[in-house]
PDB file of N, CA and C in Angstrom:
ATOM      1  N   MET A   1     -61.551 -59.712 -72.677  1.00  0.00           N
ATOM      2  CA  MET A   1     -62.787 -59.804 -73.464  1.00  0.00           C
ATOM      3  C   MET A   1     -63.404 -60.277 -74.802  1.00  0.00           C
ATOM      4  N   ASP A   2     -64.930 -60.098 -74.425  1.00  0.00           N
ATOM      5  CA  ASP A   2     -65.914 -61.265 -75.561  1.00  0.00           C
ATOM      6  C   ASP A   2     -65.236 -61.006 -76.861  1.00  0.00           C
ATOM      7  N   TYR A   3     -65.278 -62.125 -77.518  1.00  0.00           N
ATOM      8  CA  TYR A   3     -65.125 -62.026 -78.615  1.00  0.00           C
ATOM      9  C   TYR A   3     -65.668 -61.542 -79.940  1.00  0.00           C
ATOM     10  N   THR A   4     -67.029 -61.267 -79.381  1.00  0.00           N
ATOM     11  CA  THR A   4     -67.927 -60.497 -80.065  1.00  0.00           C
ATOM     12  C   THR A   4     -67.360 -58.632 -79.844  1.00  0.00           C
ATOM     13  N   LYS A   5     -66.295 -58.171 -79.015  1.00  0.00           N
ATOM     14  CA  LYS A   5     -66.712 -57.041 -78.837  1.00  0.00           C
ATOM     15  C   LYS A   5     -64.837 -56.704 -79.411  1.00  0.00           C
ATOM     16  N   ILE A   6     -63.980 -57.622 -79.580  1.00  0.00           N
ATOM     17  CA  ILE A   6     -62.627 -57.222 -80.136  1.00  0.00           C
ATOM     18  C   ILE A   6     -62.976 -57.589 -81.736  1.00  0.00           C
ATOM     19  N   LEU A   7     -63.453 -58.330 -82.348  1.00  0.00           N
ATOM     20  CA  LEU A   7     -64.032 -58.023 -83.669  1.00  0.00           C
ATOM     21  C   LEU A   7     -64.132 -57.392 -84.060  1.00  0.00           C
ATOM     22  N   LEU A   8     -64.824 -56.197 -84.425  1.00  0.00           N
ATOM     23  CA  LEU A   8     -65.481 -54.895 -84.951  1.00  0.00           C
ATOM     24  C   LEU A   8     -66.084 -55.410 -86.660  1.00  0.00           C
ATOM     25  N   ARG A   9     -65.883 -56.299 -87.677  1.00  0.00           N
ATOM     26  CA  ARG A   9     -66.229 -56.211 -88.854  1.00  0.00           C
ATOM     27  C   ARG A   9     -64.748 -56.620 -89.573  1.00  0.00           C
ATOM     28  N   PRO A  10     -65.117 -57.275 -90.698  1.00  0.00           N
ATOM     29  CA  PRO A  10     -64.187 -58.155 -91.101  1.00  0.00           C
ATOM     30  C   PRO A  10     -64.261 -57.033 -92.950  1.00  0.00           C
ATOM     31  N   LEU A  11     -63.450 -56.917 -93.097  1.00  0.00           N
ATOM     32  CA  LEU A  11     -63.080 -56.159 -94.234  1.00  0.00           C
ATOM     33  C   LEU A  11     -62.702 -56.746 -94.918  1.00  0.00           C
ATOM     34  N   THR A  12     -63.824 -56.646 -96.629  1.00  0.00           N
ATOM     35  CA  THR A  12     -63.950 -56.916 -97.730  1.00  0.00           C
ATOM     36  C   THR A  12     -63.652 -55.713 -98.646  1.00  0.00           C
ATOM     37  N   SER A  13     -62.034 -56.091 -98.650  1.00  0.00           N
ATOM     38  CA  SER A  13     -61.662 -54.516 -99.907  1.00  0.00           C
ATOM     39  C   SER A  13     -61.044 -56.045-101.001  1.00  0.00           C
ATOM     40  N   GLU A  14     -60.299 -55.164-102.574  1.00  0.00           N
ATOM     41  CA  GLU A  14     -60.083 -55.530-103.745  1.00  0.00           C
ATOM     42  C   GLU A  14     -58.265 -56.773-102.492  1.00  0.00           C
ATOM     43  N   LYS A  15     -58.101 -55.589-101.528  1.00  0.00           N
ATOM     44  CA  LYS A  15     -56.175 -55.762-101.295  1.00  0.00           C
ATOM     45  C   LYS A  15     -56.479 -57.519-100.225  1.00  0.00           C
ATOM     46  N   SER A  16     -58.123 -56.447 -99.129  1.00  0.00           N
ATOM     47  CA  SER A  16     -57.571 -58.449 -98.248  1.00  0.00           C
ATOM     48  C   SER A  16     -58.106 -60.306 -99.379  1.00  0.00           C
ATOM     49  N   ALA A  17     -58.712 -59.693-100.377  1.00  0.00           N
ATOM     50  CA  ALA A  17     -59.326 -60.854-101.417  1.00  0.00           C
ATOM     51  C   ALA A  17     -58.613 -61.226-101.664  1.00  0.00           C
ATOM     52  N   ALA A  18     -57.213 -60.746-102.286  1.00  0.00           N
ATOM     53  CA  ALA A  18     -55.880 -60.353-102.626  1.00  0.00           C
ATOM     54  C   ALA A  18     -54.992 -61.321-101.532  1.00  0.00           C
ATOM     55  N   VAL A  19     -54.982 -60.824-100.369  1.00  0.00           N
ATOM     56  CA  VAL A  19     -54.285 -61.631 -99.449  1.00  0.00           C
ATOM     57  C   VAL A  19     -54.889 -62.806 -99.059  1.00  0.00           C
ATOM     58  N   LYS A  20     -56.147 -62.446 -99.133  1.00  0.00           N
ATOM     59  CA  LYS A  20     -56.652 -64.747 -98.548  1.00  0.00           C
ATOM     60  C   LYS A  20     -56.545 -64.885 -99.544  1.00  0.00           C
ATOM     61  N   ALA A  21     -56.207 -64.709-101.296  1.00  0.00           N
ATOM     62  CA  ALA A  21     -56.420 -65.990-101.723  1.00  0.00           C
ATOM     63  C   ALA A  21     -54.619 -66.660-101.769  1.00  0.00           C
ATOM     64  N   ALA A  22     -53.430 -65.743-101.969  1.00  0.00           N
ATOM     65  CA  ALA A  22     -51.892 -65.572-102.052  1.00  0.00           C
ATOM     66  C   ALA A  22     -51.837 -66.067-100.466  1.00  0.00           C
ATOM     67  N   ALA A  23     -51.941 -65.765 -99.219  1.00  0.00           N
ATOM     68  CA  ALA A  23     -51.578 -66.329 -98.241  1.00  0.00           C
ATOM     69  C   ALA A  23     -52.275 -66.905 -97.056  1.00  0.00           C
ATOM     70  N   ASN A  24     -53.583 -67.229 -97.820  1.00  0.00           N
ATOM     71  CA  ASN A  24     -54.872 -67.963 -96.213  1.00  0.00           C
ATOM     72  C   ASN A  24     -55.340 -66.890 -95.173  1.00  0.00           C
ATOM     73  N   GLN A  25     -55.242 -66.116 -95.891  1.00  0.00           N
ATOM     74  CA  GLN A  25     -55.665 -64.140 -94.164  1.00  0.00           C
ATOM     75  C   GLN A  25     -56.372 -64.259 -94.647  1.00  0.00           C
ATOM     76  N   VAL A  26     -57.477 -63.256 -93.432  1.00  0.00           N
ATOM     77  CA  VAL A  26     -58.432 -63.185 -93.541  1.00  0.00           C
ATOM     78  C   VAL A  26     -58.030 -61.493 -92.671  1.00  0.00           C
ATOM     79  N   VAL A  27     -59.242 -60.677 -92.668  1.00  0.00           N
ATOM     80  CA  VAL A  27     -58.625 -59.104 -92.632  1.00  0.00           C
ATOM     81  C   VAL A  27     -59.980 -58.599 -91.532  1.00  0.00           C
ATOM     82  N   PHE A  28     -59.642 -58.359 -90.481  1.00  0.00           N
ATOM     83  CA  PHE A  28     -60.892 -57.763 -89.801  1.00  0.00           C
ATOM     84  C   PHE A  28     -60.261 -56.002 -89.609  1.00  0.00           C
ATOM     85  N   PHE A  29     -61.490 -55.522 -88.881  1.00  0.00           N
ATOM     86  CA  PHE A  29     -61.379 -54.243 -88.518  1.00  0.00           C
ATOM     87  C   PHE A  29     -61.746 -55.196 -86.636  1.00  0.00           C
ATOM     88  N   VAL A  30     -59.931 -54.461 -85.855  1.00  0.00           N
ATOM     89  CA  VAL A  30     -60.690 -55.012 -84.684  1.00  0.00           C
ATOM     90  C   VAL A  30     -60.549 -53.499 -83.524  1.00  0.00           C
ATOM     91  N   HIS A  31     -60.816 -54.650 -81.938  1.00  0.00           N
ATOM     92  CA  HIS A  31     -61.297 -53.353 -81.104  1.00  0.00           C
ATOM     93  C   HIS A  31     -60.133 -52.446 -80.520  1.00  0.00           C
ATOM     94  N   PRO A  32     -59.383 -51.079 -80.432  1.00  0.00           N
ATOM     95  CA  PRO A  32     -58.360 -50.050 -80.786  1.00  0.00           C
ATOM     96  C   PRO A  32     -57.655 -50.582 -79.047  1.00  0.00           C
ATOM     97  N   ALA A  33     -57.664 -51.315 -78.509  1.00  0.00           N
ATOM     98  CA  ALA A  33     -57.342 -51.801 -76.740  1.00  0.00           C
ATOM     99  C   ALA A  33     -56.598 -52.967 -77.269  1.00  0.00           C
ATOM    100  N   ALA A  34     -57.350 -54.622 -78.819  1.00  0.00           N
ATOM    101  CA  ALA A  34     -57.096 -55.210 -78.436  1.00  0.00           C
ATOM    102  C   ALA A  34     -55.249 -55.601 -78.890  1.00  0.00           C
ATOM    103  N   ASN A  35     -55.118 -56.780 -77.684  1.00  0.00           N
ATOM    104  CA  ASN A  35     -53.765 -57.192 -78.666  1.00  0.00           C
ATOM    105  C   ASN A  35     -53.637 -58.527 -79.644  1.00  0.00           C
ATOM    106  N   LYS A  36     -52.108 -59.092 -80.756  1.00  0.00           N
ATOM    107  CA  LYS A  36     -52.319 -60.155 -81.624  1.00  0.00           C
ATOM    108  C   LYS A  36     -53.663 -61.424 -80.905  1.00  0.00           C
ATOM    109  N   ILE A  37     -52.571 -61.153 -79.415  1.00  0.00           N
ATOM    110  CA  ILE A  37     -52.864 -62.748 -78.850  1.00  0.00           C
ATOM    111  C   ILE A  37     -54.317 -62.812 -78.753  1.00  0.00           C
ATOM    112  N   GLU A  38     -54.872 -61.721 -78.110  1.00  0.00           N
ATOM    113  CA  GLU A  38     -56.819 -61.778 -77.756  1.00  0.00           C
ATOM    114  C   GLU A  38     -57.127 -61.853 -79.246  1.00  0.00           C
ATOM    115  N   VAL A  39     -56.978 -61.001 -80.389  1.00  0.00           N
ATOM    116  CA  VAL A  39     -56.975 -61.078 -81.602  1.00  0.00           C
ATOM    117  C   VAL A  39     -57.279 -63.006 -82.077  1.00  0.00           C
ATOM    118  N   ALA A  40     -56.044 -63.171 -81.725  1.00  0.00           N
ATOM    119  CA  ALA A  40     -56.392 -64.942 -82.915  1.00  0.00           C
ATOM    120  C   ALA A  40     -57.536 -65.865 -81.643  1.00  0.00           C
ATOM    121  N   ARG A  41     -57.176 -65.453 -79.862  1.00  0.00           N
ATOM    122  CA  ARG A  41     -58.257 -66.682 -79.556  1.00  0.00           C
ATOM    123  C   ARG A  41     -60.011 -65.821 -79.835  1.00  0.00           C
ATOM    124  N   ALA A  42     -60.037 -64.444 -80.070  1.00  0.00           N
ATOM    125  CA  ALA A  42     -61.475 -64.251 -80.260  1.00  0.00           C
ATOM    126  C   ALA A  42     -61.494 -65.041 -81.766  1.00  0.00           C
ATOM    127  N   VAL A  43     -60.891 -65.126 -83.283  1.00  0.00           N
ATOM    128  CA  VAL A  43     -61.224 -65.263 -84.089  1.00  0.00           C
ATOM    129  C   VAL A  43     -61.354 -67.337 -83.952  1.00  0.00           C
ATOM    130  N   GLU A  44     -59.931 -67.822 -82.763  1.00  0.00           N
ATOM    131  CA  GLU A  44     -60.247 -69.136 -83.045  1.00  0.00           C
ATOM    132  C   GLU A  44     -61.833 -69.275 -82.171  1.00  0.00           C
ATOM    133  N   GLU A  45     -62.033 -68.864 -81.413  1.00  0.00           N
ATOM    134  CA  GLU A  45     -63.444 -68.888 -80.892  1.00  0.00           C
ATOM    135  C   GLU A  45     -64.710 -68.956 -82.141  1.00  0.00           C
ATOM    136  N   ALA A  46     -64.914 -67.480 -82.139  1.00  0.00           N
ATOM    137  CA  ALA A  46     -65.668 -67.514 -83.281  1.00  0.00           C
ATOM    138  C   ALA A  46     -66.072 -68.584 -83.959  1.00  0.00           C
ATOM    139  N   PHE A  47     -64.573 -68.342 -85.100  1.00  0.00           N
ATOM    140  CA  PHE A  47     -65.100 -69.994 -86.536  1.00  0.00           C
ATOM    141  C   PHE A  47     -64.879 -71.135 -86.217  1.00  0.00           C
ATOM    142  N   LYS A  48     -63.626 -71.195 -85.222  1.00  0.00           N
ATOM    143  CA  LYS A  48     -63.390 -72.814 -84.707  1.00  0.00           C
ATOM    144  C   LYS A  48     -62.562 -72.757 -86.519  1.00  0.00           C
ATOM    145  N   VAL A  49     -61.782 -72.400 -85.846  1.00  0.00           N
ATOM    146  CA  VAL A  49     -59.842 -72.655 -87.215  1.00  0.00           C
ATOM    147  C   VAL A  49     -59.284 -72.720 -85.983  1.00  0.00           C
ATOM    148  N   LYS A  50     -58.283 -72.955 -87.009  1.00  0.00           N
ATOM    149  CA  LYS A  50     -56.717 -72.598 -86.389  1.00  0.00           C
ATOM    150  C   LYS A  50     -55.312 -71.096 -87.381  1.00  0.00           C
ATOM    151  N   VAL A  51     -55.828 -70.803 -85.472  1.00  0.00           N
ATOM    152  CA  VAL A  51     -54.464 -69.745 -86.180  1.00  0.00           C
ATOM    153  C   VAL A  51     -53.259 -69.478 -86.415  1.00  0.00           C
ATOM    154  N   THR A  52     -52.442 -69.764 -87.495  1.00  0.00           N
ATOM    155  CA  THR A  52     -50.965 -69.549 -86.960  1.00  0.00           C
ATOM    156  C   THR A  52     -50.200 -67.882 -86.943  1.00  0.00           C
ATOM    157  N   GLY A  53     -51.479 -67.558 -87.189  1.00  0.00           N
ATOM    158  CA  GLY A  53     -50.080 -65.998 -86.900  1.00  0.00           C
ATOM    159  C   GLY A  53     -51.203 -64.362 -86.920  1.00  0.00           C
ATOM    160  N   VAL A  54     -51.028 -63.040 -87.001  1.00  0.00           N
ATOM    161  CA  VAL A  54     -52.148 -62.352 -86.708  1.00  0.00           C
ATOM    162  C   VAL A  54     -50.627 -61.030 -87.190  1.00  0.00           C
ATOM    163  N   ASN A  55     -50.907 -60.554 -87.314  1.00  0.00           N
ATOM    164  CA  ASN A  55     -50.104 -58.303 -87.800  1.00  0.00           C
ATOM    165  C   ASN A  55     -51.217 -57.366 -87.097  1.00  0.00           C
ATOM    166  N   ILE A  56     -50.357 -57.039 -86.650  1.00  0.00           N
ATOM    167  CA  ILE A  56     -51.553 -55.774 -86.474  1.00  0.00           C
ATOM    168  C   ILE A  56     -51.715 -54.728 -87.330  1.00  0.00           C
ATOM    169  N   VAL A  57     -52.310 -53.716 -88.409  1.00  0.00           N
ATOM    170  CA  VAL A  57     -52.009 -52.663 -88.314  1.00  0.00           C
ATOM    171  C   VAL A  57     -53.067 -50.983 -87.938  1.00  0.00           C
ATOM    172  N   ARG A  58     -52.457 -50.331 -87.618  1.00  0.00           N
ATOM    173  CA  ARG A  58     -53.427 -49.424 -86.686  1.00  0.00           C
ATOM    174  C   ARG A  58     -53.142 -47.808 -87.973  1.00  0.00           C
ATOM    175  N   ARG A  59     -53.689 -47.140 -88.418  1.00  0.00           N
ATOM    176  CA  ARG A  59     -53.888 -46.212 -89.293  1.00  0.00           C
ATOM    177  C   ARG A  59     -54.600 -44.701 -87.501  1.00  0.00           C
ATOM    178  N   LYS A  60     -53.126 -44.425 -87.424  1.00  0.00           N
ATOM    179  CA  LYS A  60     -53.784 -42.583 -86.916  1.00  0.00           C
ATOM    180  C   LYS A  60     -54.901 -42.047 -88.088  1.00  0.00           C
ATOM    181  N   PRO A  61     -55.516 -40.831 -87.328  1.00  0.00           N
ATOM    182  CA  PRO A  61     -56.305 -40.380 -87.514  1.00  0.00           C
ATOM    183  C   PRO A  61     -56.054 -39.705 -88.447  1.00  0.00           C
ATOM    184  N   LEU A  62     -56.453 -38.581 -89.475  1.00  0.00           N
ATOM    185  CA  LEU A  62     -56.576 -37.207 -90.097  1.00  0.00           C
ATOM    186  C   LEU A  62     -57.079 -36.611 -90.558  1.00  0.00           C
ATOM    187  N   ALA A  63     -56.238 -35.060 -90.611  1.00  0.00           N
ATOM    188  CA  ALA A  63     -56.933 -34.079 -91.399  1.00  0.00           C
ATOM    189  C   ALA A  63     -56.966 -33.943 -92.539  1.00  0.00           C
ATOM    190  N   ARG A  64     -58.844 -33.758 -92.535  1.00  0.00           N
ATOM    191  CA  ARG A  64     -59.122 -34.026 -93.906  1.00  0.00           C
ATOM    192  C   ARG A  64     -58.780 -32.522 -94.252  1.00  0.00           C
ATOM    193  N   LYS A  65     -58.049 -32.683 -95.298  1.00  0.00           N
ATOM    194  CA  LYS A  65     -57.421 -30.607 -95.686  1.00  0.00           C
ATOM    195  C   LYS A  65     -57.982 -30.716 -97.568  1.00  0.00           C
ATOM    196  N   ARG A  66     -58.731 -29.023 -97.324  1.00  0.00           N
ATOM    197  CA  ARG A  66     -59.326 -28.725 -99.055  1.00  0.00           C
ATOM    198  C   ARG A  66     -58.869 -27.027 -98.387  1.00  0.00           C
ATOM    199  N   HIS A  67     -57.928 -26.738 -99.610  1.00  0.00           N
ATOM    200  CA  HIS A  67     -56.809 -25.659 -99.884  1.00  0.00           C
ATOM    201  C   HIS A  67     -55.738 -25.012 -98.696  1.00  0.00           C
ATOM    202  N   GLY A  68     -55.906 -25.911 -98.083  1.00  0.00           N
ATOM    203  CA  GLY A  68     -54.692 -25.614 -96.921  1.00  0.00           C
ATOM    204  C   GLY A  68     -55.301 -25.748 -95.473  1.00  0.00           C
ATOM    205  N   LYS A  69     -56.761 -25.608 -95.560  1.00  0.00           N
ATOM    206  CA  LYS A  69     -57.654 -25.709 -94.425  1.00  0.00           C
ATOM    207  C   LYS A  69     -57.910 -26.487 -94.489  1.00  0.00           C
ATOM    208  N   SER A  70     -58.747 -27.041 -92.964  1.00  0.00           N
ATOM    209  CA  SER A  70     -58.767 -28.608 -92.500  1.00  0.00           C
ATOM    210  C   SER A  70     -60.464 -28.189 -92.818  1.00  0.00           C
ATOM    211  N   ALA A  71     -60.866 -29.742 -93.279  1.00  0.00           N
ATOM    212  CA  ALA A  71     -62.420 -29.455 -93.106  1.00  0.00           C
ATOM    213  C   ALA A  71     -63.034 -30.922 -92.568  1.00  0.00           C
ATOM    214  N   GLY A  72     -62.641 -31.082 -91.915  1.00  0.00           N
ATOM    215  CA  GLY A  72     -63.382 -32.578 -91.545  1.00  0.00           C
ATOM    216  C   GLY A  72     -61.808 -33.544 -90.938  1.00  0.00           C
ATOM    217  N   ARG A  73     -62.235 -34.872 -90.200  1.00  0.00           N
ATOM    218  CA  ARG A  73     -61.060 -35.204 -90.224  1.00  0.00           C
ATOM    219  C   ARG A  73     -61.675 -37.088 -91.207  1.00  0.00           C
ATOM    220  N   ILE A  74     -60.937 -38.046 -91.153  1.00  0.00           N
ATOM    221  CA  ILE A  74     -60.709 -38.883 -90.910  1.00  0.00           C
ATOM    222  C   ILE A  74     -60.566 -40.564 -89.960  1.00  0.00           C
ATOM    223  N   SER A  75     -61.109 -40.491 -89.810  1.00  0.00           N
ATOM    224  CA  SER A  75     -61.308 -41.370 -88.635  1.00  0.00           C
ATOM    225  C   SER A  75     -60.452 -42.544 -88.607  1.00  0.00           C
ATOM    226  N   GLY A  76     -59.093 -42.538 -87.617  1.00  0.00           N
ATOM    227  CA  GLY A  76     -58.363 -44.044 -87.350  1.00  0.00           C
ATOM    228  C   GLY A  76     -58.808 -45.273 -87.339  1.00  0.00           C
ATOM    229  N   CYS A  77     -58.101 -45.821 -87.565  1.00  0.00           N
ATOM    230  CA  CYS A  77     -58.839 -47.957 -87.503  1.00  0.00           C
ATOM    231  C   CYS A  77     -57.844 -49.010 -86.842  1.00  0.00           C
ATOM    232  N   LYS A  78     -58.039 -49.986 -86.333  1.00  0.00           N
ATOM    233  CA  LYS A  78     -56.789 -50.591 -85.901  1.00  0.00           C
ATOM    234  C   LYS A  78     -56.725 -51.945 -86.457  1.00  0.00           C
ATOM    235  N   LYS A  79     -55.774 -52.751 -87.728  1.00  0.00           N
ATOM    236  CA  LYS A  79     -56.774 -54.048 -88.113  1.00  0.00           C
ATOM    237  C   LYS A  79     -55.699 -54.642 -88.129  1.00  0.00           C
ATOM    238  N   ALA A  80     -56.812 -55.688 -88.270  1.00  0.00           N
ATOM    239  CA  ALA A  80     -55.064 -57.254 -88.278  1.00  0.00           C
ATOM    240  C   ALA A  80     -55.882 -58.381 -89.360  1.00  0.00           C
ATOM    241  N   TYR A  81     -54.527 -58.761 -89.540  1.00  0.00           N
ATOM    242  CA  TYR A  81     -54.256 -59.765 -90.672  1.00  0.00           C
ATOM    243  C   TYR A  81     -53.911 -61.339 -90.397  1.00  0.00           C
ATOM    244  N   VAL A  82     -55.348 -61.971 -90.034  1.00  0.00           N
ATOM    245  CA  VAL A  82     -54.669 -63.321 -89.195  1.00  0.00           C
ATOM    246  C   VAL A  82     -54.451 -64.482 -90.464  1.00  0.00           C
ATOM    247  N   THR A  83     -53.722 -64.839 -89.789  1.00  0.00           N
ATOM    248  CA  THR A  83     -53.061 -66.145 -91.246  1.00  0.00           C
ATOM    249  C   THR A  83     -53.687 -67.106 -90.436  1.00  0.00           C
ATOM    250  N   LEU A  84     -54.437 -67.288 -91.266  1.00  0.00           N
ATOM    251  CA  LEU A  84     -55.362 -69.708 -90.455  1.00  0.00           C
ATOM    252  C   LEU A  84     -54.100 -70.374 -91.191  1.00  0.00           C
ATOM    253  N   GLU A  85     -54.241 -71.205 -90.241  1.00  0.00           N
ATOM    254  CA  GLU A  85     -54.035 -73.062 -90.532  1.00  0.00           C
ATOM    255  C   GLU A  85     -54.144 -73.391 -92.782  1.00  0.00           C
ATOM    256  N   GLN A  86     -52.684 -74.719 -93.145  1.00  0.00           N
ATOM    257  CA  GLN A  86     -53.454 -74.434 -93.678  1.00  0.00           C
ATOM    258  C   GLN A  86     -54.546 -75.209 -94.255  1.00  0.00           C
ATOM    259  N   GLY A  87     -55.115 -75.233 -95.182  1.00  0.00           N
ATOM    260  CA  GLY A  87     -56.625 -75.920 -95.374  1.00  0.00           C
ATOM    261  C   GLY A  87     -57.615 -75.530 -93.863  1.00  0.00           C
ATOM    262  N   ASN A  88     -57.328 -74.705 -93.389  1.00  0.00           N
ATOM    263  CA  ASN A  88     -58.286 -74.326 -92.617  1.00  0.00           C
ATOM    264  C   ASN A  88     -59.397 -72.736 -93.209  1.00  0.00           C
ATOM    265  N   LYS A  89     -60.247 -72.512 -93.519  1.00  0.00           N
ATOM    266  CA  LYS A  89     -60.987 -71.625 -94.280  1.00  0.00           C
ATOM    267  C   LYS A  89     -62.282 -70.780 -93.258  1.00  0.00           C
ATOM    268  N   ILE A  90     -62.595 -70.037 -93.567  1.00  0.00           N
ATOM    269  CA  ILE A  90     -64.108 -69.025 -93.000  1.00  0.00           C
ATOM    270  C   ILE A  90     -64.968 -69.426 -94.135  1.00  0.00           C
ATOM    271  N   GLU A  91     -66.482 -70.152 -93.778  1.00  0.00           N
ATOM    272  CA  GLU A  91     -66.978 -70.003 -94.640  1.00  0.00           C
ATOM    273  C   GLU A  91     -67.448 -68.594 -95.137  1.00  0.00           C
ATOM    274  N   PHE A  92     -67.967 -67.563 -94.094  1.00  0.00           N
ATOM    275  CA  PHE A  92     -67.972 -66.301 -94.145  1.00  0.00           C
ATOM    276  C   PHE A  92     -67.396 -65.800 -95.356  1.00  0.00           C
ATOM    277  N   PHE A  93     -66.421 -65.354 -95.554  1.00  0.00           N
ATOM    278  CA  PHE A  93     -64.867 -65.664 -96.360  1.00  0.00           C
ATOM    279  C   PHE A  93     -65.052 -65.875 -97.450  1.00  0.00           C
ATOM    280  N   GLU A  94     -66.176 -67.266 -98.305  1.00  0.00           N
ATOM    281  CA  GLU A  94     -65.681 -67.986 -99.601  1.00  0.00           C
ATOM    282  C   GLU A  94     -67.052 -66.870-100.073  1.00  0.00           C
ATOM    283  N   GLY A  95     -66.337 -66.960-101.375  1.00  0.00           N
ATOM    284  CA  GLY A  95     -67.667 -65.964-102.204  1.00  0.00           C
ATOM    285  C   GLY A  95     -67.797 -64.903-102.273  1.00  0.00           C
ATOM    286  N   VAL A  96     -66.514 -64.311-100.979  1.00  0.00           N
ATOM    287  CA  VAL A  96     -66.002 -62.489-101.630  1.00  0.00           C
ATOM    288  C   VAL A  96     -65.519 -61.765-102.842  1.00  0.00           C
TER     289      VAL A  96
END
């Protein structure tokens, strides 16, 4: 797959900012069929940085319930926590 189809969008939240500062990691929403190797290659190709590790987290879709009845659903997602080599950084995330 092309890296534009693997990396869907970056995740900018308080937790991702804390992880970036503490462990030099960035967080992306990724394609549900992508694996660690594909994500690492996609980040290296897109941002010209060296990746040392990738952790992937899947969140299952959940039914949103109110008063015991189903009132919609929360979609599932797949996130990748990408650890960058020391000294490398992605300029896109600077100042976020």
